[in-house]
Amino acid sequence: MALSLSPPLHSLAFLHQTPQLALALHRAPSSKTRFPAIRLQAKPNDHIPRKTSWDPKTQKDRVPNRPRATTSETTPSEGTVAKDRKQNTYAEAYAIAKHIPMSANKVRRVIDQIRGRSYEESLMILELMPYRACEPVLKLVYSAAANATNNMGLDEGSLIVSKAEVNEGVTRKKVRPQARGRAYQIRRRSCHITVVVKDTSL
C-alpha cells in the first residue's frame, strides 16, 4: 500500500517507518485523534530520595549523619553573655537633658572641666565656676548620681564622671526688624547634654 505524504512531512525520515503516526499527523485535528505516548527512560541517578528516620517522640524526620559542632567550635552560653552584660552595664548610670536653651559651645567649655573627675570634685568645680551653663550641668550630675545610688545601689564616694558630651539641638529662627524695612535673623540655639557616672570600686 503506497503512502502519500505532504511535502513538509517528506523531510521526516522516521515517518516512513511509522505510517500510523504519519497518517495521524496528516489528518485534520479532531477530538478523537490520539498520538502514541512517548516514554523516556529515566537516568539511573536522578532524583534519589534521601533516607530519613522518623522519631516518634518529636514526630519529626531526622536526617542521619548530620555533622555536629565540636567543643572547640561551640559558642558561649546565653547565661555567660547575660552575666557579662550585667557586669558591664550595671557599673554605669547616666542622665540626659534635652533641649537646653543654650549654645553647645558655651556648655562644652564647662563639660570639659569635669570629664574624668570624681563626683565630689565635679560638684565643687561646678559650684565655683562663673558660667551660666554650670546650673543645668550641676543638676544633671546630681541626677546621674541619684540614678546610680537608688537604681543600682552604687556608692557616691566611688563615682567618677566617665563620659560627658554635648550635642547640638534644634535651632529656632526669629526675625528682628531693622531700619529701611530690613529684617535680621535671630538664631535661638539649644543643646542636649549627656553625663555618665561610673563606679571605680567594681
Protein backbone atom coordinates (compact mmCIF):
# COMPACT_ATOMS: atom_id res chain seq x y z
CA MET A 1 0.00 0.00 0.00
CA ALA A 2 1.55 3.26 -1.11
CA LEU A 3 1.50 6.14 1.40
CA SER A 4 1.45 9.68 0.03
CA LEU A 5 2.69 12.43 2.34
CA SER A 6 2.55 16.17 2.00
CA PRO A 7 5.86 17.91 1.16
CA PRO A 8 6.57 19.07 4.74
CA LEU A 9 6.22 15.51 6.01
CA HIS A 10 8.60 14.07 3.39
CA SER A 11 11.55 15.56 5.25
CA LEU A 12 10.82 13.50 8.38
CA ALA A 13 12.54 10.16 7.80
CA PHE A 14 11.07 8.39 10.83
CA LEU A 15 7.51 8.84 9.49
CA HIS A 16 8.20 6.31 6.67
CA GLN A 17 8.85 3.68 9.30
CA THR A 18 5.74 4.58 11.35
CA PRO A 19 2.87 5.07 8.88
CA GLN A 20 0.23 5.23 11.63
CA LEU A 21 1.86 8.32 13.17
CA ALA A 22 2.21 9.88 9.72
CA LEU A 23 -1.46 9.38 8.98
CA ALA A 24 -2.44 10.89 12.33
CA LEU A 25 -0.35 13.98 11.63
CA HIS A 26 -1.60 14.24 8.05
CA ARG A 27 -5.28 14.20 9.07
CA ALA A 28 -7.18 17.27 10.18
CA PRO A 29 -7.12 17.69 14.01
CA SER A 30 -10.14 16.22 15.79
CA SER A 31 -11.09 15.36 19.35
CA LYS A 32 -10.71 11.61 18.62
CA THR A 33 -7.16 11.91 17.30
CA ARG A 34 -4.68 10.42 19.77
CA PHE A 35 -0.94 10.39 19.46
CA PRO A 36 1.09 7.48 20.74
CA ALA A 37 2.63 8.14 24.15
CA ILE A 38 6.40 8.55 24.04
CA ARG A 39 8.15 7.47 27.22
CA LEU A 40 11.69 8.47 28.06
CA GLN A 41 13.85 6.30 30.21
CA ALA A 42 14.93 7.98 33.45
CA LYS A 43 18.61 8.27 34.18
CA PRO A 44 19.85 5.93 36.89
CA ASN A 45 20.97 8.57 39.45
CA ASP A 46 18.25 11.21 39.04
CA HIS A 47 16.07 12.28 42.00
CA ILE A 48 17.17 9.66 44.51
CA PRO A 49 15.33 10.42 47.80
CA ARG A 50 17.43 10.72 50.92
CA LYS A 51 16.68 8.20 53.63
CA THR A 52 15.27 9.70 56.80
CA SER A 53 14.35 8.19 60.13
CA TRP A 54 11.09 9.10 61.85
CA ASP A 55 11.28 9.86 65.55
CA PRO A 56 8.02 9.06 67.44
CA LYS A 57 8.87 11.38 70.37
CA THR A 58 9.37 14.57 68.42
CA GLN A 59 7.25 13.45 65.42
CA LYS A 60 9.78 14.92 63.06
CA ASP A 61 12.00 13.50 60.39
CA ARG A 62 15.60 13.43 61.43
CA VAL A 63 18.34 13.38 58.83
CA PRO A 64 21.04 10.88 59.84
CA ASN A 65 24.77 11.57 59.75
CA ARG A 66 24.31 15.30 60.41
CA PRO A 67 27.66 16.92 61.34
CA ARG A 68 27.78 18.15 64.92
CA ALA A 69 29.83 21.04 66.25
CA THR A 70 32.79 20.10 68.38
CA THR A 71 33.53 21.55 71.81
CA SER A 72 36.10 23.95 70.34
CA GLU A 73 33.53 25.41 67.88
CA THR A 74 30.68 25.89 70.36
CA THR A 75 29.65 29.45 71.21
CA PRO A 76 29.40 30.71 74.81
CA SER A 77 26.14 30.04 76.58
CA GLU A 78 23.43 32.68 76.93
CA GLY A 79 23.89 32.79 80.70
CA THR A 80 27.54 33.77 80.34
CA VAL A 81 26.74 36.52 77.84
CA ALA A 82 23.95 37.90 80.05
CA LYS A 83 26.26 37.86 83.08
CA ASP A 84 28.94 39.77 81.20
CA ARG A 85 26.35 42.31 80.03
CA LYS A 86 25.14 42.87 83.58
CA GLN A 87 28.68 43.45 84.80
CA ASN A 88 29.33 46.00 82.04
CA THR A 89 26.04 47.90 82.20
CA TYR A 90 25.28 47.82 85.91
CA ALA A 91 28.51 49.65 86.81
CA GLU A 92 27.37 52.82 84.99
CA ALA A 93 24.46 55.22 85.32
CA TYR A 94 23.56 58.13 83.09
CA ALA A 95 21.31 61.15 82.84
CA ILE A 96 20.27 63.11 79.73
CA ALA A 97 18.98 66.67 79.48
CA LYS A 98 17.39 67.65 76.16
CA HIS A 99 16.50 70.99 74.60
CA ILE A 100 18.54 73.12 76.98
CA PRO A 101 18.16 76.75 75.70
CA MET A 102 21.87 77.38 75.37
CA SER A 103 24.57 77.13 72.75
CA ALA A 104 26.51 73.86 72.66
CA ASN A 105 29.85 75.71 72.61
CA LYS A 106 29.03 77.53 75.86
CA VAL A 107 28.14 74.27 77.63
CA ARG A 108 31.10 72.42 76.18
CA ARG A 109 33.67 74.60 77.95
CA VAL A 110 32.06 73.63 81.29
CA ILE A 111 31.70 69.94 80.46
CA ASP A 112 35.39 69.67 79.55
CA GLN A 113 36.37 70.66 83.11
CA ILE A 114 34.55 67.79 84.85
CA ARG A 115 35.21 64.93 82.46
CA GLY A 116 37.20 62.19 84.19
CA ARG A 117 36.96 63.74 87.67
CA SER A 118 35.31 62.31 90.76
CA TYR A 119 31.72 63.10 91.72
CA GLU A 120 32.58 65.34 94.70
CA GLU A 121 35.28 67.21 92.81
CA SER A 122 32.91 67.83 89.89
CA LEU A 123 30.31 69.37 92.22
CA MET A 124 32.89 71.69 93.76
CA ILE A 125 34.12 72.86 90.32
CA LEU A 126 30.60 73.48 89.01
CA GLU A 127 29.60 75.50 92.08
CA LEU A 128 32.61 77.81 91.78
CA MET A 129 32.75 78.38 88.01
CA PRO A 130 31.20 81.75 86.91
CA TYR A 131 29.28 80.48 83.85
CA ARG A 132 25.54 80.28 83.27
CA ALA A 133 25.92 76.76 81.84
CA CYS A 134 27.05 75.42 85.23
CA GLU A 135 23.50 75.25 86.59
CA PRO A 136 22.00 72.67 84.15
CA VAL A 137 25.22 70.62 84.21
CA LEU A 138 25.20 70.59 88.03
CA LYS A 139 21.60 69.34 88.09
CA LEU A 140 22.49 66.66 85.54
CA VAL A 141 25.43 65.37 87.60
CA TYR A 142 23.17 65.24 90.66
CA SER A 143 20.59 63.25 88.68
CA ALA A 144 23.14 60.75 87.32
CA ALA A 145 24.50 60.15 90.84
CA ALA A 146 20.95 59.67 92.16
CA ASN A 147 20.26 57.09 89.45
CA ALA A 148 23.42 55.21 90.39
CA THR A 149 22.56 55.23 94.09
CA ASN A 150 18.84 54.46 94.02
CA ASN A 151 18.54 52.21 90.98
CA MET A 152 21.84 50.32 91.11
CA GLY A 153 22.93 50.60 94.71
CA LEU A 154 26.33 52.19 93.97
CA ASP A 155 28.30 54.34 96.39
CA GLU A 156 28.53 58.07 95.67
CA GLY A 157 32.06 58.27 97.05
CA SER A 158 33.42 55.94 94.37
CA LEU A 159 31.71 57.55 91.36
CA ILE A 160 33.57 59.34 88.58
CA VAL A 161 32.29 61.19 85.51
CA SER A 162 33.36 58.69 82.86
CA LYS A 163 31.57 60.34 79.94
CA ALA A 164 30.23 63.85 79.37
CA GLU A 165 29.20 65.17 75.98
CA VAL A 166 27.11 67.94 74.42
CA ASN A 167 25.27 67.74 71.10
CA GLU A 168 23.52 70.47 69.18
CA GLY A 169 19.74 70.53 69.32
CA VAL A 170 17.01 72.34 67.41
CA THR A 171 17.72 75.93 66.37
CA ARG A 172 14.70 78.25 66.45
CA LYS A 173 14.81 81.14 64.00
CA LYS A 174 13.27 84.53 64.63
CA VAL A 175 13.23 87.85 62.80
CA ARG A 176 14.29 91.21 64.22
CA PRO A 177 13.08 94.29 62.26
CA GLN A 178 15.74 96.81 61.27
CA ALA A 179 15.88 100.22 59.57
CA ARG A 180 14.69 100.75 55.97
CA GLY A 181 12.36 97.76 56.08
CA ARG A 182 15.12 95.20 56.56
CA ALA A 183 14.97 92.14 58.84
CA TYR A 184 17.82 90.46 60.70
CA GLN A 185 17.62 86.82 61.67
CA ILE A 186 17.96 85.63 65.28
CA ARG A 187 19.01 82.04 65.99
CA ARG A 188 17.93 80.59 69.33
CA ARG A 189 20.15 77.54 69.74
CA SER A 190 19.61 74.56 72.02
CA CYS A 191 21.66 71.53 73.03
CA HIS A 192 21.43 68.02 74.51
CA ILE A 193 23.71 67.11 77.43
CA THR A 194 24.65 63.57 78.49
CA VAL A 195 26.53 62.69 81.69
CA VAL A 196 27.61 59.14 82.57
CA VAL A 197 28.99 58.21 86.00
CA LYS A 198 30.92 55.00 86.68
CA ASP A 199 31.73 53.14 89.89
CA THR A 200 35.50 52.62 90.23
CA SER A 201 35.22 50.14 93.09
CA LEU A 202 33.86 47.33 90.85
